Protein backbone atom coordinates (compact mmCIF):
# COMPACT_ATOMS: atom_id res chain seq x y z
CA MET A 1 25.11 -10.05 -3.74
CA ILE A 2 22.76 -8.07 -1.51
CA THR A 3 22.49 -9.37 2.06
CA PHE A 4 21.42 -7.92 5.38
CA GLU A 5 25.00 -8.20 6.66
CA SER A 6 26.32 -6.14 3.75
CA LEU A 7 23.78 -3.37 4.36
CA LYS A 8 23.30 -3.10 8.13
CA HIS A 9 26.36 -0.89 8.66
CA LYS A 10 25.28 1.50 5.89
CA PRO A 11 22.05 3.09 7.19
CA ILE A 12 21.51 5.46 4.26
CA VAL A 13 22.06 2.72 1.69
CA PHE A 14 19.86 0.39 3.74
CA SER A 15 17.04 2.93 3.73
CA ASN A 16 17.43 3.55 0.00
CA PHE A 17 17.31 -0.19 -0.76
CA THR A 18 14.38 -1.12 1.48
CA GLY A 19 12.41 2.07 2.08
CA LEU A 20 12.78 1.55 5.85
CA THR A 21 15.23 2.76 8.43
CA LEU A 22 17.17 0.12 10.36
CA THR A 23 15.03 0.96 13.38
CA ALA A 24 11.83 0.33 11.44
CA PHE A 25 13.28 -2.88 9.97
CA ASN A 26 14.20 -4.18 13.42
CA ASP A 27 10.76 -3.21 14.70
CA LEU A 28 9.10 -5.21 11.90
CA LEU A 29 11.45 -8.22 12.07
CA PRO A 30 9.88 -10.04 15.10
CA ALA A 31 6.45 -9.94 13.44
CA PHE A 32 8.01 -11.17 10.18
CA VAL A 33 9.66 -14.07 12.04
CA GLN A 34 6.29 -14.96 13.58
CA ALA A 35 4.49 -14.76 10.22
CA TYR A 36 7.18 -16.87 8.52
CA ALA A 37 6.95 -19.55 11.22
CA SER A 38 3.17 -19.58 10.81
CA ASP A 39 3.61 -20.07 7.06
CA LEU A 40 5.98 -23.02 7.66
CA ASP A 41 3.44 -24.63 10.00
CA GLN A 42 0.73 -24.23 7.39
CA ARG A 43 2.93 -25.76 4.70
CA ASP A 44 3.69 -28.74 6.94
CA GLN A 45 -0.01 -29.32 7.50
CA GLN A 46 -0.62 -29.33 3.75
CA ARG A 47 2.03 -31.97 3.05
CA GLU A 48 0.75 -35.25 1.70
CA GLN A 49 3.62 -37.09 3.39
CA PRO A 50 5.12 -36.22 6.81
CA ARG A 51 8.55 -34.62 6.96
CA GLN A 52 11.51 -36.98 6.65
CA ARG A 53 13.91 -34.53 8.31
CA GLN A 54 13.77 -31.47 10.52
CA ARG A 55 13.39 -27.97 9.15
CA GLY A 56 16.64 -26.35 8.09
CA GLY A 57 18.20 -29.50 6.73
CA GLY A 58 19.86 -29.62 3.34
CA ARG A 59 21.77 -26.98 1.43
CA THR A 60 21.69 -23.38 2.62
CA GLY A 61 19.77 -21.23 0.13
CA ALA A 62 20.60 -17.81 -1.28
CA LEU A 63 18.35 -16.22 1.35
CA GLY A 64 20.14 -17.73 4.30
CA SER A 65 18.49 -15.81 7.13
CA LEU A 66 15.11 -14.30 7.86
CA GLU A 67 16.75 -10.86 7.72
CA ASP A 68 17.85 -11.64 4.14
CA LYS A 69 14.33 -12.75 3.25
CA LEU A 70 12.86 -9.53 4.59
CA VAL A 71 15.46 -7.43 2.73
CA PHE A 72 14.68 -9.42 -0.43
CA ILE A 73 10.96 -8.68 -0.45
CA LEU A 74 11.39 -5.04 0.65
CA PHE A 75 13.90 -4.49 -2.17
CA TYR A 76 11.38 -5.97 -4.62
CA PHE A 77 8.63 -3.63 -3.38
CA LYS A 78 10.94 -0.62 -3.39
CA PHE A 79 12.33 -0.95 -6.92
CA TYR A 80 9.99 -3.50 -8.60
CA PRO A 81 12.69 -4.82 -10.97
CA VAL A 82 11.98 -7.59 -13.45
CA GLN A 83 12.46 -10.89 -11.68
CA THR A 84 15.62 -11.78 -13.62
CA VAL A 85 17.27 -8.62 -12.28
CA GLN A 86 15.93 -9.21 -8.76
CA GLY A 87 17.40 -12.71 -8.84
CA TYR A 88 20.77 -11.43 -10.07
CA PHE A 89 21.03 -9.09 -7.08
CA PHE A 90 20.23 -11.92 -4.65
CA GLY A 91 22.09 -14.82 -6.25
CA MET A 92 19.26 -16.87 -7.73
CA GLY A 93 17.49 -17.52 -11.03
CA GLN A 94 14.18 -16.11 -12.22
CA PRO A 95 12.03 -19.17 -11.36
CA GLN A 96 13.31 -19.18 -7.78
CA THR A 97 12.83 -15.41 -7.57
CA ASN A 98 9.21 -15.76 -8.70
CA GLU A 99 8.60 -18.41 -6.06
CA TRP A 100 10.08 -16.28 -3.26
CA VAL A 101 8.22 -13.13 -4.35
CA HIS A 102 4.83 -14.86 -4.15
CA ARG A 103 5.72 -16.69 -0.97
CA LEU A 104 7.12 -13.73 0.97
CA THR A 105 4.61 -11.05 -0.06
CA PRO A 106 1.70 -12.51 1.99
CA ILE A 107 4.11 -13.12 4.87
CA LEU A 108 5.19 -9.46 4.78
CA ASN A 109 1.53 -8.43 4.68
CA ARG A 110 0.71 -10.67 7.64
CA SER A 111 3.63 -9.30 9.65
CA LEU A 112 2.41 -5.73 9.10
CA GLY A 113 -0.98 -6.93 10.34
CA TYR A 114 0.61 -8.33 13.49
CA ASP A 115 2.27 -4.92 13.93
CA ARG A 116 -1.13 -3.17 13.40
CA GLN A 117 0.11 -1.11 10.48
CA LEU A 118 -2.28 -2.28 7.76
CA PRO A 119 -5.29 -0.14 6.77
CA ALA A 120 -8.71 -1.45 7.68
CA ARG A 121 -10.57 -3.13 4.79
CA LYS A 122 -13.90 -4.33 6.20
CA THR A 123 -16.72 -1.92 7.05
CA HIS A 124 -16.92 -2.88 10.74
CA ASP A 125 -13.13 -2.69 11.16
CA ILE A 126 -12.98 0.70 9.43
CA THR A 127 -15.55 2.17 11.81
CA GLN A 128 -13.55 0.98 14.82
CA VAL A 129 -10.23 2.23 13.43
CA LEU A 130 -11.59 5.66 12.51
CA SER A 131 -13.26 6.04 15.91
CA ALA A 132 -9.87 5.60 17.60
CA CYS A 133 -8.27 8.51 15.70
CA PRO A 134 -7.89 11.64 17.85
CA GLY A 135 -9.54 14.68 16.36
CA LEU A 136 -11.75 12.64 13.99
CA GLU A 137 -10.39 14.52 10.96
CA PHE A 138 -10.01 12.53 7.75
CA ILE A 139 -9.21 12.99 4.07
CA ILE A 140 -10.59 10.75 1.33
CA ASP A 141 -9.10 10.41 -2.13
CA GLY A 142 -8.75 7.98 -4.98
CA THR A 143 -5.52 6.67 -6.45
CA GLU A 144 -4.88 4.84 -9.70
CA ARG A 145 -2.08 2.48 -10.72
CA PRO A 146 -1.14 1.64 -14.32
CA ILE A 147 -1.37 -1.95 -15.50
CA ARG A 148 -0.49 -3.71 -18.72
CA ARG A 149 -3.14 -3.57 -21.43
CA PRO A 150 -5.40 -6.60 -20.84
CA LYS A 151 -5.79 -9.09 -23.69
CA ASP A 152 -9.49 -9.58 -23.01
CA LYS A 153 -11.60 -6.91 -24.77
CA GLU A 154 -14.07 -6.60 -21.90
CA LYS A 155 -11.24 -6.07 -19.41
CA GLN A 156 -9.73 -3.50 -21.78
CA ARG A 157 -12.98 -1.55 -21.61
CA THR A 158 -13.52 -1.78 -17.85
CA HIS A 159 -9.90 -1.03 -16.95
CA TYR A 160 -9.43 1.95 -19.27
CA SER A 161 -9.30 5.18 -17.27
CA GLY A 162 -10.43 8.24 -19.19
CA LYS A 163 -8.66 10.41 -16.64
CA LYS A 164 -5.28 8.69 -17.00
CA LYS A 165 -5.73 7.73 -20.67
CA ARG A 166 -4.44 4.24 -19.95
CA HIS A 167 -5.47 0.96 -18.35
CA THR A 168 -5.44 1.14 -14.57
CA VAL A 169 -6.73 -0.24 -11.30
CA LYS A 170 -7.83 2.07 -8.52
CA ASN A 171 -8.51 2.28 -4.78
CA THR A 172 -10.08 4.77 -2.42
CA VAL A 173 -7.97 5.66 0.59
CA ILE A 174 -8.92 7.41 3.83
CA SER A 175 -6.08 9.02 5.76
CA ASP A 176 -5.92 10.42 9.26
CA LYS A 177 -5.38 14.14 8.74
CA ARG A 178 -3.22 14.52 11.85
CA THR A 179 -0.82 11.60 11.36
CA GLY A 180 -0.90 11.08 7.60
CA LYS A 181 -1.44 7.35 8.06
CA ILE A 182 -3.67 5.42 5.67
CA LYS A 183 -6.47 4.19 7.92
CA ALA A 184 -8.81 2.59 5.36
CA LEU A 185 -8.41 1.13 1.90
CA SER A 186 -11.16 0.08 -0.48
CA PRO A 187 -11.01 -3.09 -2.57
CA THR A 188 -8.98 -2.77 -5.78
CA CYS A 189 -11.26 -2.26 -8.77
CA ALA A 190 -11.04 -1.55 -12.50
CA GLY A 191 -9.88 1.93 -13.49
CA LYS A 192 -13.09 2.90 -15.30
CA GLN A 193 -15.10 3.02 -12.07
CA HIS A 194 -15.76 6.52 -10.73
CA HIS A 195 -14.29 7.52 -7.36
CA LYS A 196 -17.67 8.43 -5.85
CA LYS A 197 -19.26 5.17 -6.97
CA LEU A 198 -16.38 3.22 -5.44
CA ALA A 199 -16.74 5.19 -2.19
CA ASP A 200 -20.50 4.52 -2.15
CA GLU A 201 -19.93 0.79 -2.68
CA HIS A 202 -17.31 0.75 0.08
CA SER A 203 -20.02 2.23 2.38
CA VAL A 204 -17.80 3.57 5.15
CA THR A 205 -19.50 4.69 8.36
CA PHE A 206 -17.63 7.62 9.88
CA PRO A 207 -17.82 8.39 13.61
CA PRO A 208 -20.45 11.07 14.35
CA GLY A 209 -18.92 14.53 14.48
CA SER A 210 -16.09 13.68 12.08
CA LYS A 211 -14.69 16.14 9.56
CA LEU A 212 -13.97 14.89 6.05
CA TRP A 213 -12.02 16.67 3.32
CA LYS A 214 -12.57 15.54 -0.27
CA ASP A 215 -12.00 16.73 -3.83
CA THR A 216 -14.49 17.31 -6.62
CA GLY A 217 -14.23 13.67 -7.70
CA PHE A 218 -16.42 12.89 -4.68
CA GLN A 219 -19.14 15.41 -5.56
CA GLY A 220 -22.34 14.22 -3.88
CA TYR A 221 -20.59 11.89 -1.42
CA GLU A 222 -22.09 13.00 1.90
CA PRO A 223 -21.88 10.43 4.72
CA GLU A 224 -24.31 10.97 7.59
CA ASN A 225 -23.57 12.91 10.78
CA ILE A 226 -20.27 14.43 9.63
CA ALA A 227 -19.06 17.74 8.16
CA THR A 228 -17.54 17.61 4.69
CA PHE A 229 -15.30 20.12 2.95
CA GLN A 230 -14.90 20.24 -0.83
CA PRO A 231 -13.64 22.84 -3.31
CA LYS A 232 -16.32 24.49 -5.42
CA LYS A 233 -16.34 23.54 -9.10
CA LYS A 234 -16.03 26.26 -11.68
CA PRO A 235 -19.46 26.75 -13.27
CA ARG A 236 -19.76 25.78 -16.92
CA GLY A 237 -19.05 28.85 -19.04
CA GLY A 238 -18.35 30.95 -15.96
CA GLU A 239 -15.62 31.78 -13.45
CA LEU A 240 -15.22 31.50 -9.71
CA THR A 241 -15.24 34.67 -7.68
CA PRO A 242 -12.06 35.74 -5.81
CA ALA A 243 -13.73 34.71 -2.55
CA GLU A 244 -14.55 31.27 -3.94
CA LYS A 245 -10.99 30.84 -5.23
CA ALA A 246 -9.63 31.78 -1.80
CA HIS A 247 -12.01 29.31 -0.16
CA ASN A 248 -10.88 26.55 -2.54
CA ALA A 249 -7.24 27.33 -1.77
CA VAL A 250 -7.88 26.90 1.96
CA ILE A 251 -9.55 23.53 1.43
CA SER A 252 -6.79 22.38 -0.94
CA SER A 253 -4.13 23.32 1.61
CA GLU A 254 -5.89 21.10 4.15
CA ARG A 255 -6.52 18.27 1.69
CA ILE A 256 -2.93 18.16 0.38
CA GLY A 257 -2.06 15.83 3.26
CA VAL A 258 -3.63 12.85 1.51
CA GLU A 259 -1.49 13.51 -1.56
CA HIS A 260 1.57 13.30 0.68
CA SER A 261 0.25 10.04 2.13
CA ILE A 262 -0.35 8.53 -1.31
CA GLY A 263 3.10 9.73 -2.34
CA GLY A 264 4.51 7.94 0.71
CA VAL A 265 2.79 4.72 -0.35
CA LYS A 266 4.14 5.10 -3.89
CA VAL A 267 7.70 5.32 -2.64
CA TYR A 268 7.37 1.62 -3.36
CA HIS A 269 7.53 1.30 -7.14
CA ILE A 270 5.44 -1.86 -7.13
CA VAL A 271 2.37 0.39 -6.71
CA ARG A 272 3.70 3.16 -8.93
CA ASP A 273 5.12 1.53 -12.04
CA VAL A 274 3.14 -0.45 -14.61
CA PHE A 275 2.01 -3.53 -12.71
CA ARG A 276 3.23 -6.73 -14.40
CA ASN A 277 2.20 -9.54 -12.03
CA ILE A 278 -0.84 -11.43 -13.25
CA ARG A 279 -1.70 -13.66 -10.27
CA SER A 280 -5.29 -13.09 -9.19
CA GLY A 281 -5.65 -10.75 -6.22
CA PHE A 282 -1.95 -9.87 -6.13
CA ASP A 283 -2.60 -6.25 -7.20
CA ASP A 284 -4.81 -5.77 -4.13
CA LEU A 285 -2.35 -7.53 -1.81
CA VAL A 286 0.61 -5.34 -2.78
CA MET A 287 -1.41 -2.12 -2.38
CA ASP A 288 -2.53 -3.19 1.09
CA THR A 289 1.08 -4.06 1.97
CA ALA A 290 2.51 -0.80 0.59
CA CYS A 291 0.03 1.18 2.71
CA GLY A 292 1.17 -0.78 5.77
CA LEU A 293 4.82 -0.04 4.97
CA HIS A 294 3.99 3.66 4.61
CA ASN A 295 2.31 3.65 8.02
CA LEU A 296 5.34 1.90 9.53
CA ARG A 297 7.69 4.45 7.96
CA LEU A 298 5.78 7.29 9.63
CA ASP A 299 6.53 5.73 13.02
CA HIS A 300 10.25 5.63 12.18
CA PRO A 301 11.12 8.65 10.00
CA LEU A 302 14.56 8.97 8.48
CA THR A 303 16.48 11.57 10.46
CA ALA A 304 18.59 13.83 8.26
CA LYS A 305 22.22 14.22 9.33
CA ARG A 306 23.50 17.74 9.83
């Protein structure tokens, strides 16, 4: 059975199982403890009858410590196994696994918020976060995640992505070019929606004097008071000149940073594999959380042994 005690003396295995170094895990743990305590307080307030005994009474569960609970939910994000398999690794059945997954995911998200690792979501917050970035250099891009084929015909139509040739959900991300951190994340929407339209609806206000790199999917997206850089599209029936190709290569070499950032987010298979959870809003919650985990990982990179 997987426990924190069985992993803490194996740093490489620990990182492979959770996506975090031990240093990053220990940095996140105090915020997770705070978020878990807040969740317990909220649950007590929602009780119809007052508690008959103090917290911690009764039989010790499979997730005996808060460290085990944090390992449990990080393992789920990292590998996204079916819940029967997740439960087998942690000594519990599928129903209990399902309960813990949906209980601990918002707690993990809240703890990353306490640690100021989550991307900004609201327009006012995004403006403040972007203004605090040194250099004011950003990259915008869209990312899609596969989902199961919806049963509803209207949802099938709106979620079908012509680009991916499958049903998806998508987000727009804005990364800080210097650090690679995801600084802003749009709401999760159906895969049919175009990247530029989603960016327009998100209506981000960039700090004056900012520089923004984008790809051709954002053709026509020109926020005010900033400089934008975009590769030139090949004209229909024509070819780009050598100078234009060289110019595009320069822009692509600058813009590749956001692909690395998105790749860092998708280290967590829950936002890479076909998404199976059907609870409303959960697809947006896990993307927000995975971006926060990516940002945390950048503060605590895995150091290769020589």
